[in-house]
Amino acid sequence: MMTESVRPDTSPEQRVTEWDGDGGMIGVDPVELADEDLIREMRSLHRTRLDTLRHATDSALANHLRRTAELETEYLARHPGREVDPHRLRDA
């Protein structure tokens, strides 16, 4: 199955305005989401990540990437001092 052509010089999130016209936001503004809704939305996106990467059209992948970035940016803004699990650290 063919999707939109892929230009190797740009990533899907850089090309998203080519597909959706006005570059408008898809979904509720993350700032407006309660913490539990924000977490739920991020879980949903992470659950569908591999399938979207492997099988979705370029525009769907770009929207997925953009929405993930929007939600994760909001999460980090709300939790700048989040606890880092020391087992997740690697030697430099």
N, C-alpha and C. Protein backbone atom coordinates (compact mmCIF):
# COMPACT_ATOMS: atom_id res chain seq x y z
N MET A 1 0.84 -1.17 0.00
CA MET A 1 0.00 0.00 0.00
C MET A 1 0.89 1.24 0.00
N MET A 2 0.59 2.20 -0.83
CA MET A 2 1.39 3.40 -0.95
C MET A 2 0.79 4.51 -0.09
N THR A 3 1.67 5.30 0.52
CA THR A 3 1.25 6.49 1.25
C THR A 3 1.82 7.69 0.52
N GLU A 4 1.67 8.88 1.13
CA GLU A 4 2.27 10.05 0.52
C GLU A 4 3.76 9.82 0.35
N SER A 5 4.37 10.50 -0.61
CA SER A 5 5.79 10.31 -0.82
C SER A 5 6.57 10.83 0.38
N VAL A 6 7.66 10.16 0.67
CA VAL A 6 8.48 10.54 1.81
C VAL A 6 9.73 11.22 1.29
N ARG A 7 9.95 12.46 1.76
CA ARG A 7 11.15 13.18 1.40
C ARG A 7 12.16 12.95 2.50
N PRO A 8 13.33 12.41 2.18
CA PRO A 8 14.29 12.06 3.21
C PRO A 8 14.90 13.28 3.93
N ASP A 9 14.76 14.49 3.37
CA ASP A 9 15.37 15.66 3.98
C ASP A 9 14.53 16.28 5.08
N THR A 10 13.30 15.82 5.28
CA THR A 10 12.46 16.37 6.34
C THR A 10 11.74 15.25 7.07
N SER A 11 11.46 15.51 8.33
CA SER A 11 10.74 14.52 9.14
C SER A 11 9.24 14.72 8.98
N PRO A 12 8.43 13.72 9.36
CA PRO A 12 6.98 13.87 9.22
C PRO A 12 6.41 15.08 9.95
N GLU A 13 6.93 15.37 11.17
CA GLU A 13 6.38 16.51 11.89
C GLU A 13 6.74 17.84 11.22
N GLN A 14 7.82 17.88 10.46
CA GLN A 14 8.16 19.09 9.71
C GLN A 14 7.25 19.25 8.49
N ARG A 15 6.72 18.16 7.97
CA ARG A 15 5.89 18.20 6.77
C ARG A 15 4.41 18.30 7.07
N VAL A 16 4.00 18.27 8.34
CA VAL A 16 2.59 18.16 8.68
C VAL A 16 1.75 19.29 8.07
N THR A 17 2.24 20.51 7.99
CA THR A 17 1.42 21.58 7.44
C THR A 17 1.14 21.38 5.96
N GLU A 18 1.94 20.59 5.29
CA GLU A 18 1.67 20.28 3.89
C GLU A 18 0.38 19.47 3.75
N TRP A 19 0.01 18.72 4.77
CA TRP A 19 -1.13 17.81 4.68
C TRP A 19 -2.40 18.36 5.29
N ASP A 20 -2.26 19.12 6.39
CA ASP A 20 -3.51 19.52 7.04
C ASP A 20 -3.88 20.97 6.73
N GLY A 21 -3.18 21.59 5.82
CA GLY A 21 -3.56 22.91 5.35
C GLY A 21 -3.19 24.03 6.29
N ASP A 22 -3.96 24.22 7.33
CA ASP A 22 -3.73 25.38 8.20
C ASP A 22 -2.83 25.08 9.39
N GLY A 23 -2.41 23.85 9.55
CA GLY A 23 -1.55 23.50 10.69
C GLY A 23 -2.28 23.56 12.01
N GLY A 24 -3.61 23.49 11.98
CA GLY A 24 -4.40 23.61 13.21
C GLY A 24 -4.19 22.45 14.15
N MET A 25 -4.47 22.71 15.42
CA MET A 25 -4.31 21.69 16.44
C MET A 25 -5.39 20.63 16.32
N ILE A 26 -5.00 19.41 16.54
CA ILE A 26 -5.95 18.29 16.54
C ILE A 26 -6.09 17.84 17.99
N GLY A 27 -7.31 17.84 18.50
CA GLY A 27 -7.54 17.44 19.87
C GLY A 27 -7.64 18.63 20.80
N VAL A 28 -7.94 18.33 22.06
CA VAL A 28 -8.08 19.36 23.08
C VAL A 28 -6.70 19.91 23.42
N ASP A 29 -6.63 21.23 23.62
CA ASP A 29 -5.38 21.85 24.03
C ASP A 29 -4.91 21.18 25.31
N PRO A 30 -3.69 20.67 25.35
CA PRO A 30 -3.20 19.97 26.54
C PRO A 30 -3.27 20.80 27.82
N VAL A 31 -3.16 22.10 27.71
CA VAL A 31 -3.25 22.98 28.89
C VAL A 31 -4.61 22.83 29.56
N GLU A 32 -5.63 22.54 28.80
CA GLU A 32 -6.99 22.42 29.32
C GLU A 32 -7.29 21.06 29.95
N LEU A 33 -6.41 20.09 29.78
CA LEU A 33 -6.65 18.75 30.30
C LEU A 33 -6.28 18.65 31.78
N ALA A 34 -7.10 17.95 32.54
CA ALA A 34 -6.74 17.62 33.92
C ALA A 34 -5.58 16.63 33.88
N ASP A 35 -4.83 16.52 34.97
CA ASP A 35 -3.67 15.63 35.00
C ASP A 35 -4.01 14.21 34.56
N GLU A 36 -5.13 13.67 35.08
CA GLU A 36 -5.47 12.28 34.74
C GLU A 36 -5.84 12.14 33.26
N ASP A 37 -6.43 13.17 32.68
CA ASP A 37 -6.75 13.14 31.25
C ASP A 37 -5.49 13.25 30.40
N LEU A 38 -4.56 14.07 30.85
CA LEU A 38 -3.28 14.20 30.15
C LEU A 38 -2.54 12.87 30.13
N ILE A 39 -2.48 12.21 31.27
CA ILE A 39 -1.82 10.89 31.36
C ILE A 39 -2.54 9.88 30.47
N ARG A 40 -3.87 9.88 30.50
CA ARG A 40 -4.64 8.95 29.67
C ARG A 40 -4.34 9.16 28.19
N GLU A 41 -4.31 10.41 27.76
CA GLU A 41 -4.01 10.72 26.35
C GLU A 41 -2.61 10.26 25.98
N MET A 42 -1.63 10.48 26.85
CA MET A 42 -0.26 10.04 26.56
C MET A 42 -0.17 8.52 26.48
N ARG A 43 -0.86 7.84 27.40
CA ARG A 43 -0.86 6.36 27.36
C ARG A 43 -1.43 5.86 26.03
N SER A 44 -2.51 6.47 25.60
CA SER A 44 -3.14 6.07 24.35
C SER A 44 -2.19 6.24 23.17
N LEU A 45 -1.52 7.37 23.12
CA LEU A 45 -0.59 7.62 22.02
C LEU A 45 0.60 6.66 22.06
N HIS A 46 1.13 6.41 23.24
CA HIS A 46 2.26 5.49 23.34
C HIS A 46 1.85 4.06 23.01
N ARG A 47 0.62 3.69 23.34
CA ARG A 47 0.13 2.35 23.04
C ARG A 47 0.02 2.12 21.52
N THR A 48 -0.29 3.19 20.78
CA THR A 48 -0.47 3.05 19.34
C THR A 48 0.75 3.46 18.52
N ARG A 49 1.83 3.81 19.19
CA ARG A 49 3.02 4.37 18.52
C ARG A 49 3.59 3.46 17.44
N LEU A 50 3.90 2.23 17.75
CA LEU A 50 4.55 1.36 16.77
C LEU A 50 3.65 1.09 15.57
N ASP A 51 2.39 0.85 15.81
CA ASP A 51 1.46 0.60 14.72
C ASP A 51 1.37 1.83 13.81
N THR A 52 1.33 3.02 14.41
CA THR A 52 1.27 4.25 13.62
C THR A 52 2.55 4.42 12.82
N LEU A 53 3.68 4.20 13.44
CA LEU A 53 4.97 4.33 12.75
C LEU A 53 5.08 3.36 11.58
N ARG A 54 4.64 2.14 11.77
CA ARG A 54 4.80 1.12 10.74
C ARG A 54 3.74 1.16 9.64
N HIS A 55 2.51 1.55 9.98
CA HIS A 55 1.43 1.33 9.03
C HIS A 55 0.58 2.54 8.67
N ALA A 56 0.73 3.64 9.35
CA ALA A 56 -0.13 4.79 9.07
C ALA A 56 0.43 5.63 7.92
N THR A 57 -0.42 6.46 7.37
CA THR A 57 0.04 7.38 6.33
C THR A 57 1.00 8.38 6.95
N ASP A 58 1.74 9.06 6.10
CA ASP A 58 2.67 10.08 6.58
C ASP A 58 1.94 11.17 7.37
N SER A 59 0.77 11.56 6.91
CA SER A 59 0.04 12.61 7.62
C SER A 59 -0.43 12.13 8.99
N ALA A 60 -0.86 10.89 9.09
CA ALA A 60 -1.26 10.35 10.40
C ALA A 60 -0.06 10.26 11.33
N LEU A 61 1.08 9.84 10.82
CA LEU A 61 2.29 9.78 11.63
C LEU A 61 2.68 11.18 12.09
N ALA A 62 2.63 12.15 11.21
CA ALA A 62 2.97 13.53 11.59
C ALA A 62 2.04 14.05 12.67
N ASN A 63 0.75 13.77 12.54
CA ASN A 63 -0.21 14.20 13.56
C ASN A 63 0.07 13.50 14.89
N HIS A 64 0.41 12.23 14.81
CA HIS A 64 0.72 11.46 16.02
C HIS A 64 1.95 12.06 16.71
N LEU A 65 2.99 12.35 15.94
CA LEU A 65 4.21 12.93 16.50
C LEU A 65 3.94 14.31 17.12
N ARG A 66 3.18 15.11 16.41
CA ARG A 66 2.89 16.45 16.91
C ARG A 66 2.06 16.38 18.20
N ARG A 67 1.05 15.55 18.22
CA ARG A 67 0.20 15.44 19.41
C ARG A 67 1.00 14.90 20.59
N THR A 68 1.85 13.91 20.35
CA THR A 68 2.69 13.38 21.41
C THR A 68 3.58 14.48 21.98
N ALA A 69 4.19 15.26 21.11
CA ALA A 69 5.05 16.36 21.57
C ALA A 69 4.26 17.39 22.37
N GLU A 70 3.06 17.72 21.93
CA GLU A 70 2.22 18.68 22.66
C GLU A 70 1.91 18.18 24.07
N LEU A 71 1.49 16.92 24.16
CA LEU A 71 1.11 16.37 25.46
C LEU A 71 2.31 16.21 26.38
N GLU A 72 3.43 15.72 25.84
CA GLU A 72 4.61 15.52 26.67
C GLU A 72 5.21 16.86 27.12
N THR A 73 5.16 17.86 26.26
CA THR A 73 5.64 19.19 26.64
C THR A 73 4.81 19.74 27.79
N GLU A 74 3.50 19.56 27.73
CA GLU A 74 2.63 20.02 28.81
C GLU A 74 2.92 19.25 30.10
N TYR A 75 3.12 17.94 29.98
CA TYR A 75 3.44 17.15 31.17
C TYR A 75 4.72 17.66 31.84
N LEU A 76 5.75 17.90 31.04
CA LEU A 76 7.02 18.37 31.58
C LEU A 76 6.89 19.77 32.19
N ALA A 77 6.05 20.60 31.62
CA ALA A 77 5.82 21.94 32.18
C ALA A 77 5.14 21.83 33.55
N ARG A 78 4.26 20.88 33.70
CA ARG A 78 3.56 20.69 34.98
C ARG A 78 4.42 20.01 36.03
N HIS A 79 5.37 19.21 35.59
CA HIS A 79 6.19 18.40 36.50
C HIS A 79 7.67 18.59 36.22
N PRO A 80 8.18 19.82 36.38
CA PRO A 80 9.59 20.06 36.05
C PRO A 80 10.55 19.34 37.00
N GLY A 81 10.12 19.06 38.22
CA GLY A 81 10.97 18.37 39.18
C GLY A 81 10.59 16.92 39.35
N ARG A 82 10.11 16.32 38.27
CA ARG A 82 9.65 14.94 38.36
C ARG A 82 10.77 14.03 38.88
N GLU A 83 10.38 13.00 39.58
CA GLU A 83 11.35 12.08 40.15
C GLU A 83 11.96 11.22 39.04
N VAL A 84 13.28 11.15 39.03
CA VAL A 84 13.98 10.33 38.05
C VAL A 84 14.41 9.05 38.74
N ASP A 85 14.02 7.92 38.17
CA ASP A 85 14.39 6.62 38.72
C ASP A 85 15.88 6.38 38.48
N PRO A 86 16.66 6.19 39.54
CA PRO A 86 18.10 6.00 39.37
C PRO A 86 18.45 4.76 38.55
N HIS A 87 17.55 3.80 38.48
CA HIS A 87 17.80 2.60 37.66
C HIS A 87 17.69 2.90 36.17
N ARG A 88 17.11 4.07 35.82
CA ARG A 88 16.98 4.46 34.42
C ARG A 88 18.19 5.24 33.91
N LEU A 89 19.14 5.53 34.80
CA LEU A 89 20.31 6.31 34.43
C LEU A 89 21.38 5.42 33.84
N ARG A 90 22.13 5.97 32.92
CA ARG A 90 23.26 5.26 32.32
C ARG A 90 24.54 6.00 32.67
N ASP A 91 25.63 5.27 32.72
CA ASP A 91 26.93 5.90 32.94
C ASP A 91 27.26 6.77 31.74
N ALA A 92 27.80 7.94 32.01
CA ALA A 92 28.14 8.88 30.93
C ALA A 92 29.36 8.49 30.17
